[in-house]
N, C-alpha and C. Protein backbone atom coordinates (compact mmCIF):
# COMPACT_ATOMS: atom_id res chain seq x y z
N MET A 1 103.06 88.49 116.88
CA MET A 1 101.62 88.52 117.18
C MET A 1 100.84 88.36 115.88
N ASN A 2 99.75 87.63 115.95
CA ASN A 2 98.92 87.38 114.77
C ASN A 2 98.24 88.68 114.33
N ASN A 3 98.43 89.05 113.07
CA ASN A 3 97.88 90.30 112.55
C ASN A 3 96.37 90.35 112.57
N THR A 4 95.72 89.23 112.21
CA THR A 4 94.26 89.20 112.20
C THR A 4 93.73 89.37 113.62
N LYS A 5 94.35 88.70 114.57
CA LYS A 5 93.91 88.83 115.97
C LYS A 5 94.08 90.26 116.46
N THR A 6 95.18 90.89 116.09
CA THR A 6 95.42 92.28 116.50
C THR A 6 94.37 93.21 115.91
N LEU A 7 94.04 93.00 114.64
CA LEU A 7 93.02 93.82 114.00
C LEU A 7 91.66 93.63 114.68
N ILE A 8 91.32 92.40 114.98
CA ILE A 8 90.04 92.13 115.67
C ILE A 8 90.04 92.76 117.06
N ARG A 9 91.16 92.70 117.76
CA ARG A 9 91.26 93.36 119.08
C ARG A 9 91.09 94.87 118.94
N ALA A 10 91.66 95.45 117.87
CA ALA A 10 91.53 96.89 117.65
C ALA A 10 90.08 97.27 117.36
N ILE A 11 89.40 96.47 116.56
CA ILE A 11 87.98 96.73 116.27
C ILE A 11 87.17 96.66 117.55
N ASN A 12 87.42 95.65 118.37
CA ASN A 12 86.72 95.51 119.64
C ASN A 12 87.03 96.68 120.57
N PHE A 13 88.29 97.07 120.64
CA PHE A 13 88.71 98.20 121.46
C PHE A 13 87.97 99.47 121.02
N ALA A 14 87.96 99.72 119.71
CA ALA A 14 87.27 100.91 119.18
C ALA A 14 85.77 100.84 119.48
N ALA A 15 85.18 99.66 119.34
CA ALA A 15 83.75 99.52 119.63
C ALA A 15 83.46 99.85 121.09
N GLN A 16 84.32 99.40 121.99
CA GLN A 16 84.13 99.70 123.41
C GLN A 16 84.31 101.20 123.68
N LYS A 17 85.32 101.79 123.09
CA LYS A 17 85.60 103.21 123.31
C LYS A 17 84.48 104.11 122.76
N HIS A 18 83.91 103.71 121.63
CA HIS A 18 82.87 104.53 120.98
C HIS A 18 81.45 104.07 121.34
N ARG A 19 81.31 103.17 122.29
CA ARG A 19 80.02 102.50 122.55
C ARG A 19 78.85 103.43 122.83
N ASP A 20 79.10 104.58 123.41
CA ASP A 20 78.00 105.50 123.73
C ASP A 20 77.86 106.63 122.72
N GLN A 21 78.62 106.57 121.63
CA GLN A 21 78.60 107.64 120.64
C GLN A 21 77.76 107.26 119.43
N LYS A 22 77.19 108.28 118.82
CA LYS A 22 76.39 108.12 117.60
C LYS A 22 76.98 109.03 116.53
N ARG A 23 76.76 108.67 115.27
CA ARG A 23 77.14 109.54 114.16
C ARG A 23 76.20 110.74 114.13
N LYS A 24 76.60 111.81 113.47
CA LYS A 24 75.81 113.03 113.43
C LYS A 24 74.65 112.96 112.46
N GLY A 25 74.62 111.98 111.59
CA GLY A 25 73.57 111.86 110.59
C GLY A 25 72.19 111.73 111.23
N ALA A 26 71.19 112.03 110.44
CA ALA A 26 69.81 112.02 110.91
C ALA A 26 69.39 110.66 111.47
N ASP A 27 69.99 109.57 110.97
CA ASP A 27 69.59 108.25 111.47
C ASP A 27 70.40 107.81 112.69
N THR A 28 71.30 108.65 113.18
CA THR A 28 72.09 108.42 114.39
C THR A 28 72.63 106.98 114.52
N GLN A 29 73.36 106.56 113.50
CA GLN A 29 73.97 105.24 113.54
C GLN A 29 74.99 105.15 114.67
N PRO A 30 75.25 103.95 115.16
CA PRO A 30 76.33 103.79 116.14
C PRO A 30 77.65 104.27 115.54
N TYR A 31 78.46 104.96 116.32
CA TYR A 31 79.68 105.55 115.80
C TYR A 31 80.64 104.51 115.22
N ILE A 32 80.68 103.32 115.79
CA ILE A 32 81.61 102.29 115.33
C ILE A 32 81.42 101.96 113.85
N ASN A 33 80.23 102.23 113.32
CA ASN A 33 80.02 101.99 111.89
C ASN A 33 80.99 102.78 111.03
N HIS A 34 81.40 103.96 111.50
CA HIS A 34 82.31 104.80 110.72
C HIS A 34 83.70 104.17 110.56
N PRO A 35 84.41 103.81 111.64
CA PRO A 35 85.72 103.18 111.42
C PRO A 35 85.61 101.86 110.66
N LEU A 36 84.51 101.14 110.84
CA LEU A 36 84.33 99.90 110.07
C LEU A 36 84.15 100.20 108.59
N GLU A 37 83.45 101.27 108.29
CA GLU A 37 83.27 101.67 106.89
C GLU A 37 84.62 102.09 106.28
N VAL A 38 85.43 102.82 107.05
CA VAL A 38 86.76 103.20 106.58
C VAL A 38 87.58 101.95 106.26
N LEU A 39 87.54 100.98 107.16
CA LEU A 39 88.24 99.70 106.93
C LEU A 39 87.74 99.04 105.64
N ASN A 40 86.45 99.06 105.45
CA ASN A 40 85.86 98.45 104.25
C ASN A 40 86.37 99.14 102.98
N TYR A 41 86.40 100.46 102.98
CA TYR A 41 86.91 101.19 101.81
C TYR A 41 88.38 100.84 101.55
N LEU A 42 89.16 100.80 102.61
CA LEU A 42 90.59 100.52 102.44
C LEU A 42 90.83 99.13 101.86
N THR A 43 90.09 98.14 102.36
CA THR A 43 90.33 96.76 101.90
C THR A 43 89.63 96.47 100.59
N ASP A 44 88.37 96.85 100.45
CA ASP A 44 87.59 96.48 99.27
C ASP A 44 87.90 97.33 98.04
N ILE A 45 88.14 98.60 98.23
CA ILE A 45 88.41 99.48 97.09
C ILE A 45 89.91 99.69 96.92
N GLY A 46 90.59 100.02 98.02
CA GLY A 46 92.00 100.34 97.95
C GLY A 46 92.95 99.15 97.96
N ASN A 47 92.39 97.95 98.22
CA ASN A 47 93.20 96.73 98.30
C ASN A 47 94.35 96.86 99.30
N VAL A 48 94.13 97.59 100.38
CA VAL A 48 95.15 97.76 101.42
C VAL A 48 95.23 96.46 102.23
N GLU A 49 96.43 95.97 102.40
CA GLU A 49 96.65 94.72 103.15
C GLU A 49 97.59 94.92 104.33
N ASP A 50 98.10 96.11 104.54
CA ASP A 50 99.02 96.40 105.63
C ASP A 50 98.23 96.43 106.94
N TYR A 51 98.51 95.44 107.80
CA TYR A 51 97.73 95.32 109.03
C TYR A 51 97.93 96.49 109.99
N ASP A 52 99.09 97.13 109.98
CA ASP A 52 99.25 98.32 110.82
C ASP A 52 98.33 99.44 110.36
N VAL A 53 98.21 99.63 109.05
CA VAL A 53 97.32 100.65 108.52
C VAL A 53 95.87 100.30 108.86
N LEU A 54 95.49 99.05 108.68
CA LEU A 54 94.11 98.65 108.96
C LEU A 54 93.79 98.76 110.45
N THR A 55 94.75 98.40 111.28
CA THR A 55 94.55 98.52 112.73
C THR A 55 94.40 99.99 113.11
N ALA A 56 95.26 100.84 112.57
CA ALA A 56 95.16 102.28 112.85
C ALA A 56 93.84 102.85 112.32
N ALA A 57 93.37 102.34 111.18
CA ALA A 57 92.08 102.81 110.65
C ALA A 57 90.94 102.49 111.61
N ALA A 58 90.98 101.30 112.19
CA ALA A 58 89.94 100.92 113.16
C ALA A 58 89.96 101.85 114.37
N LEU A 59 91.14 102.34 114.70
CA LEU A 59 91.33 103.16 115.91
C LEU A 59 91.41 104.66 115.63
N HIS A 60 91.22 105.06 114.37
CA HIS A 60 91.61 106.41 113.97
C HIS A 60 90.93 107.56 114.72
N ASP A 61 89.77 107.34 115.29
CA ASP A 61 89.09 108.41 116.03
C ASP A 61 89.11 108.23 117.54
N THR A 62 89.77 107.20 118.03
CA THR A 62 89.71 106.94 119.47
C THR A 62 90.41 108.01 120.30
N VAL A 63 91.57 108.48 119.87
CA VAL A 63 92.27 109.51 120.64
C VAL A 63 91.52 110.84 120.55
N GLU A 64 91.02 111.14 119.35
CA GLU A 64 90.32 112.42 119.12
C GLU A 64 88.97 112.48 119.83
N ASP A 65 88.23 111.38 119.85
CA ASP A 65 86.83 111.43 120.28
C ASP A 65 86.50 110.64 121.55
N THR A 66 87.51 110.01 122.17
CA THR A 66 87.25 109.27 123.40
C THR A 66 88.37 109.55 124.40
N GLU A 67 88.26 108.96 125.55
CA GLU A 67 89.28 109.12 126.59
C GLU A 67 90.38 108.09 126.38
N THR A 68 91.04 108.15 125.23
CA THR A 68 92.11 107.22 124.90
C THR A 68 93.38 108.02 124.65
N SER A 69 94.49 107.52 125.16
CA SER A 69 95.77 108.22 124.97
C SER A 69 96.61 107.52 123.91
N LYS A 70 97.57 108.28 123.39
CA LYS A 70 98.55 107.72 122.45
C LYS A 70 99.28 106.55 123.11
N GLU A 71 99.61 106.72 124.37
CA GLU A 71 100.35 105.69 125.09
C GLU A 71 99.54 104.39 125.19
N GLU A 72 98.25 104.51 125.40
CA GLU A 72 97.39 103.34 125.47
C GLU A 72 97.36 102.61 124.13
N ILE A 73 97.26 103.37 123.05
CA ILE A 73 97.27 102.77 121.70
C ILE A 73 98.62 102.09 121.45
N ALA A 74 99.72 102.78 121.78
CA ALA A 74 101.06 102.22 121.55
C ALA A 74 101.27 100.94 122.35
N GLU A 75 100.82 100.95 123.59
CA GLU A 75 100.99 99.77 124.46
C GLU A 75 100.22 98.57 123.93
N LYS A 76 99.00 98.81 123.48
CA LYS A 76 98.14 97.71 123.04
C LYS A 76 98.37 97.28 121.60
N PHE A 77 98.77 98.24 120.73
CA PHE A 77 98.80 97.95 119.30
C PHE A 77 100.11 98.32 118.60
N GLY A 78 101.05 98.87 119.33
CA GLY A 78 102.36 99.18 118.77
C GLY A 78 102.55 100.64 118.43
N LYS A 79 103.83 101.02 118.38
CA LYS A 79 104.20 102.42 118.14
C LYS A 79 103.78 102.90 116.77
N GLU A 80 103.95 102.08 115.73
CA GLU A 80 103.61 102.50 114.36
C GLU A 80 102.13 102.81 114.24
N VAL A 81 101.30 101.96 114.82
CA VAL A 81 99.85 102.18 114.80
C VAL A 81 99.52 103.47 115.54
N ALA A 82 100.11 103.66 116.71
CA ALA A 82 99.84 104.87 117.50
C ALA A 82 100.26 106.13 116.73
N GLU A 83 101.38 106.07 116.04
CA GLU A 83 101.84 107.24 115.27
C GLU A 83 100.85 107.59 114.16
N MET A 84 100.36 106.56 113.44
CA MET A 84 99.38 106.83 112.37
C MET A 84 98.10 107.42 112.95
N VAL A 85 97.63 106.88 114.07
CA VAL A 85 96.42 107.41 114.70
C VAL A 85 96.62 108.88 115.04
N LEU A 86 97.78 109.21 115.61
CA LEU A 86 98.05 110.61 115.96
C LEU A 86 98.13 111.52 114.75
N GLU A 87 98.66 111.00 113.64
CA GLU A 87 98.75 111.81 112.43
C GLU A 87 97.38 112.27 111.94
N VAL A 88 96.35 111.46 112.15
CA VAL A 88 95.01 111.80 111.65
C VAL A 88 94.11 112.33 112.77
N THR A 89 94.69 112.63 113.92
CA THR A 89 93.93 113.13 115.07
C THR A 89 93.98 114.65 115.12
N ASP A 90 92.80 115.27 115.15
CA ASP A 90 92.71 116.72 115.32
C ASP A 90 92.90 117.08 116.79
N ASP A 91 93.47 118.26 117.03
CA ASP A 91 93.60 118.79 118.38
C ASP A 91 92.31 119.53 118.71
N LYS A 92 91.46 118.90 119.51
CA LYS A 92 90.14 119.46 119.82
C LYS A 92 90.21 120.74 120.66
N LYS A 93 91.40 121.10 121.12
CA LYS A 93 91.55 122.36 121.86
C LYS A 93 91.53 123.55 120.92
N LEU A 94 91.78 123.30 119.65
CA LEU A 94 91.80 124.37 118.66
C LEU A 94 90.39 124.63 118.12
N PRO A 95 90.11 125.85 117.67
CA PRO A 95 88.81 126.13 117.06
C PRO A 95 88.61 125.27 115.80
N LYS A 96 87.36 124.97 115.50
CA LYS A 96 87.04 124.09 114.38
C LYS A 96 87.61 124.58 113.06
N ASP A 97 87.52 125.87 112.77
CA ASP A 97 88.03 126.39 111.50
C ASP A 97 89.55 126.22 111.40
N VAL A 98 90.25 126.33 112.51
CA VAL A 98 91.70 126.13 112.52
C VAL A 98 92.01 124.65 112.28
N ARG A 99 91.27 123.77 112.94
CA ARG A 99 91.48 122.32 112.74
C ARG A 99 91.26 121.93 111.29
N LYS A 100 90.23 122.48 110.68
CA LYS A 100 89.94 122.16 109.28
C LYS A 100 91.06 122.66 108.35
N GLN A 101 91.55 123.86 108.61
CA GLN A 101 92.64 124.40 107.79
C GLN A 101 93.91 123.56 107.98
N LEU A 102 94.18 123.14 109.20
CA LEU A 102 95.36 122.31 109.47
C LEU A 102 95.28 120.97 108.75
N GLN A 103 94.09 120.41 108.63
CA GLN A 103 93.95 119.16 107.87
C GLN A 103 94.40 119.36 106.42
N ILE A 104 94.00 120.48 105.83
CA ILE A 104 94.40 120.78 104.45
C ILE A 104 95.92 120.93 104.37
N GLU A 105 96.49 121.68 105.30
CA GLU A 105 97.93 121.95 105.28
C GLU A 105 98.76 120.71 105.57
N HIS A 106 98.30 119.86 106.47
CA HIS A 106 99.08 118.68 106.88
C HIS A 106 98.96 117.50 105.93
N ALA A 107 97.90 117.45 105.14
CA ALA A 107 97.63 116.28 104.30
C ALA A 107 98.83 115.84 103.45
N PRO A 108 99.52 116.75 102.75
CA PRO A 108 100.63 116.30 101.91
C PRO A 108 101.81 115.73 102.70
N HIS A 109 101.88 116.00 103.99
CA HIS A 109 103.03 115.62 104.81
C HIS A 109 102.79 114.38 105.66
N LEU A 110 101.61 113.78 105.55
CA LEU A 110 101.30 112.57 106.31
C LEU A 110 102.08 111.38 105.75
N SER A 111 102.27 110.38 106.59
CA SER A 111 102.86 109.12 106.12
C SER A 111 101.89 108.47 105.15
N LYS A 112 102.37 107.52 104.36
CA LYS A 112 101.48 106.84 103.41
C LYS A 112 100.31 106.18 104.13
N GLY A 113 100.57 105.51 105.24
CA GLY A 113 99.50 104.86 105.99
C GLY A 113 98.44 105.85 106.46
N ALA A 114 98.88 106.98 107.00
CA ALA A 114 97.94 108.00 107.47
C ALA A 114 97.15 108.59 106.30
N LYS A 115 97.82 108.74 105.15
CA LYS A 115 97.11 109.23 103.96
C LYS A 115 96.00 108.26 103.55
N LEU A 116 96.29 106.97 103.59
CA LEU A 116 95.26 105.97 103.25
C LEU A 116 94.07 106.08 104.20
N ILE A 117 94.36 106.19 105.49
CA ILE A 117 93.29 106.31 106.48
C ILE A 117 92.49 107.58 106.24
N LYS A 118 93.17 108.68 105.97
CA LYS A 118 92.49 109.96 105.72
C LYS A 118 91.60 109.87 104.48
N LEU A 119 92.09 109.19 103.43
CA LEU A 119 91.27 108.99 102.22
C LEU A 119 89.99 108.22 102.57
N GLY A 120 90.13 107.12 103.28
CA GLY A 120 88.96 106.34 103.67
C GLY A 120 88.01 107.15 104.54
N ASP A 121 88.57 107.93 105.43
CA ASP A 121 87.77 108.77 106.33
C ASP A 121 86.97 109.81 105.55
N LYS A 122 87.61 110.47 104.60
CA LYS A 122 86.91 111.49 103.82
C LYS A 122 85.83 110.86 102.94
N ILE A 123 86.12 109.69 102.37
CA ILE A 123 85.09 108.99 101.57
C ILE A 123 83.89 108.68 102.45
N SER A 124 84.14 108.16 103.63
CA SER A 124 83.05 107.82 104.56
C SER A 124 82.25 109.05 104.97
N ASN A 125 82.95 110.11 105.34
CA ASN A 125 82.26 111.32 105.81
C ASN A 125 81.45 111.98 104.70
N ILE A 126 82.01 112.05 103.50
CA ILE A 126 81.28 112.69 102.40
C ILE A 126 80.10 111.82 101.96
N THR A 127 80.25 110.51 102.03
CA THR A 127 79.11 109.62 101.76
C THR A 127 77.98 109.92 102.74
N ASP A 128 78.33 110.11 104.02
CA ASP A 128 77.32 110.46 105.03
C ASP A 128 76.70 111.82 104.76
N VAL A 129 77.51 112.80 104.41
CA VAL A 129 76.98 114.14 104.14
C VAL A 129 76.01 114.09 102.96
N MET A 130 76.29 113.21 102.03
CA MET A 130 75.43 113.07 100.86
C MET A 130 74.15 112.29 101.18
N ASN A 131 74.29 111.15 101.83
CA ASN A 131 73.16 110.23 102.02
C ASN A 131 72.44 110.38 103.35
N ASN A 132 73.12 110.88 104.36
CA ASN A 132 72.56 110.93 105.70
C ASN A 132 73.13 112.14 106.45
N PRO A 133 72.83 113.35 105.95
CA PRO A 133 73.44 114.54 106.57
C PRO A 133 72.91 114.78 107.98
N PRO A 134 73.72 115.46 108.78
CA PRO A 134 73.22 115.86 110.09
C PRO A 134 71.95 116.70 109.95
N ALA A 135 71.06 116.54 110.89
CA ALA A 135 69.82 117.32 110.87
C ALA A 135 70.16 118.80 110.86
N GLY A 136 69.46 119.53 110.02
CA GLY A 136 69.65 120.97 109.97
C GLY A 136 70.75 121.45 109.03
N TRP A 137 71.48 120.53 108.41
CA TRP A 137 72.53 120.96 107.48
C TRP A 137 71.88 121.41 106.17
N SER A 138 72.12 122.65 105.83
CA SER A 138 71.58 123.20 104.58
C SER A 138 72.37 122.63 103.40
N ILE A 139 71.82 122.82 102.21
CA ILE A 139 72.52 122.43 100.98
C ILE A 139 73.87 123.14 100.92
N GLU A 140 73.90 124.41 101.26
CA GLU A 140 75.15 125.18 101.22
C GLU A 140 76.20 124.59 102.16
N ARG A 141 75.79 124.23 103.36
CA ARG A 141 76.74 123.66 104.33
C ARG A 141 77.27 122.32 103.83
N ARG A 142 76.40 121.52 103.25
CA ARG A 142 76.83 120.23 102.71
C ARG A 142 77.83 120.43 101.57
N LEU A 143 77.55 121.38 100.67
CA LEU A 143 78.47 121.66 99.57
C LEU A 143 79.80 122.22 100.08
N GLU A 144 79.76 123.05 101.11
CA GLU A 144 80.99 123.57 101.71
C GLU A 144 81.83 122.44 102.29
N TYR A 145 81.18 121.49 102.94
CA TYR A 145 81.90 120.35 103.51
C TYR A 145 82.56 119.53 102.40
N ILE A 146 81.84 119.32 101.33
CA ILE A 146 82.38 118.57 100.19
C ILE A 146 83.59 119.30 99.59
N GLU A 147 83.50 120.61 99.45
CA GLU A 147 84.62 121.40 98.92
C GLU A 147 85.83 121.32 99.85
N TRP A 148 85.59 121.41 101.15
CA TRP A 148 86.69 121.30 102.11
C TRP A 148 87.32 119.91 102.04
N GLY A 149 86.50 118.87 102.02
CA GLY A 149 87.01 117.50 101.91
C GLY A 149 87.85 117.30 100.67
N THR A 150 87.44 117.93 99.58
CA THR A 150 88.20 117.86 98.32
C THR A 150 89.57 118.50 98.48
N LYS A 151 89.64 119.61 99.20
CA LYS A 151 90.94 120.27 99.44
C LYS A 151 91.86 119.38 100.27
N VAL A 152 91.30 118.69 101.25
CA VAL A 152 92.12 117.77 102.06
C VAL A 152 92.64 116.65 101.16
N VAL A 153 91.77 116.05 100.38
CA VAL A 153 92.15 114.93 99.52
C VAL A 153 93.14 115.37 98.44
N ASP A 154 93.07 116.60 98.00
CA ASP A 154 94.05 117.08 97.03
C ASP A 154 95.48 116.91 97.56
N GLY A 155 95.65 117.06 98.85
CA GLY A 155 96.97 116.89 99.47
C GLY A 155 97.37 115.44 99.67
N LEU A 156 96.45 114.52 99.42
CA LEU A 156 96.71 113.09 99.59
C LEU A 156 96.97 112.39 98.27
N ARG A 157 96.87 113.14 97.17
CA ARG A 157 96.98 112.55 95.82
C ARG A 157 98.29 111.81 95.64
N GLY A 158 98.19 110.71 94.87
CA GLY A 158 99.36 109.89 94.59
C GLY A 158 99.55 108.77 95.59
N THR A 159 98.56 108.56 96.45
CA THR A 159 98.66 107.55 97.50
C THR A 159 98.05 106.22 97.07
N ASN A 160 96.83 106.27 96.51
CA ASN A 160 96.14 105.05 96.11
C ASN A 160 95.15 105.43 95.01
N ALA A 161 95.46 105.05 93.77
CA ALA A 161 94.67 105.47 92.61
C ALA A 161 93.22 105.01 92.72
N LYS A 162 92.98 103.81 93.23
CA LYS A 162 91.60 103.30 93.31
C LYS A 162 90.77 104.09 94.32
N LEU A 163 91.34 104.39 95.48
CA LEU A 163 90.62 105.19 96.46
C LEU A 163 90.39 106.61 95.95
N GLU A 164 91.39 107.17 95.28
CA GLU A 164 91.27 108.52 94.75
C GLU A 164 90.19 108.58 93.66
N LYS A 165 90.13 107.59 92.81
CA LYS A 165 89.09 107.55 91.77
C LYS A 165 87.72 107.42 92.41
N HIS A 166 87.61 106.55 93.42
CA HIS A 166 86.34 106.40 94.13
C HIS A 166 85.92 107.74 94.75
N PHE A 167 86.87 108.43 95.35
CA PHE A 167 86.58 109.74 95.93
C PHE A 167 86.09 110.71 94.86
N ASP A 168 86.81 110.78 93.74
CA ASP A 168 86.42 111.70 92.66
C ASP A 168 85.02 111.39 92.13
N ASP A 169 84.72 110.10 91.94
CA ASP A 169 83.39 109.70 91.48
C ASP A 169 82.33 110.08 92.52
N LEU A 170 82.66 109.89 93.78
CA LEU A 170 81.74 110.24 94.87
C LEU A 170 81.45 111.74 94.88
N ILE A 171 82.48 112.55 94.71
CA ILE A 171 82.31 114.01 94.72
C ILE A 171 81.40 114.45 93.58
N GLU A 172 81.63 113.90 92.41
CA GLU A 172 80.79 114.24 91.26
C GLU A 172 79.33 113.88 91.55
N LYS A 173 79.12 112.67 92.04
CA LYS A 173 77.77 112.20 92.35
C LYS A 173 77.15 113.04 93.47
N ALA A 174 77.93 113.34 94.51
CA ALA A 174 77.41 114.10 95.65
C ALA A 174 76.95 115.49 95.22
N LYS A 175 77.77 116.17 94.45
CA LYS A 175 77.39 117.52 94.00
C LYS A 175 76.13 117.48 93.14
N ALA A 176 76.07 116.51 92.24
CA ALA A 176 74.90 116.40 91.36
C ALA A 176 73.64 116.10 92.17
N GLU A 177 73.72 115.16 93.09
CA GLU A 177 72.53 114.78 93.87
C GLU A 177 72.07 115.89 94.80
N ILE A 178 73.03 116.55 95.44
CA ILE A 178 72.65 117.64 96.34
C ILE A 178 71.98 118.77 95.57
N GLN A 179 72.55 119.12 94.44
CA GLN A 179 71.97 120.19 93.65
C GLN A 179 70.63 119.78 93.06
N LEU A 180 70.47 118.51 92.70
CA LEU A 180 69.19 118.01 92.19
C LEU A 180 68.12 118.10 93.28
N ARG A 181 68.48 117.73 94.50
CA ARG A 181 67.54 117.80 95.63
C ARG A 181 67.17 119.24 95.96
N ASN A 182 68.04 120.15 95.59
CA ASN A 182 67.83 121.56 95.90
C ASN A 182 66.86 122.23 94.94
N ARG A 183 66.51 121.57 93.86
CA ARG A 183 65.61 122.17 92.85
C ARG A 183 64.19 122.17 93.29
């Protein structure tokens, strides 16, 4: 199967699955912008060329946030893609604080592909927390999110130096800007 066609099908699939969802930021962007941004970070900064990783990145929130099953992903996009999607999928039945702690604990044990996706995801989410935070998020909550994201990424270290450097630069900038806005 043609890798480019599969990736385009995955992007379309994700767009359909997330069609009624919006990001939490104040400007309520369409949710599909998030997986597309993750793809952009992986290809433009991380130089990731593995089509299974890119396909899984496009689909990374479909099982967690839509009515999509692992079996549906595996049938349409292959077992490897489905496995990576599941590796980065939180169990929404668990309390939020438990899910967040599990992300920290599981990060070092993810496959390389899932680690790349998680890096792109954290870069995207922290960029949003910095530039377009959810309405009502205090400076303290934003800083707590950044600290938590840093703990997750600490477990991903050694995966992709360019993405990790971008993350580190983003964290420095985010903390400085948030604290500057707080003055």
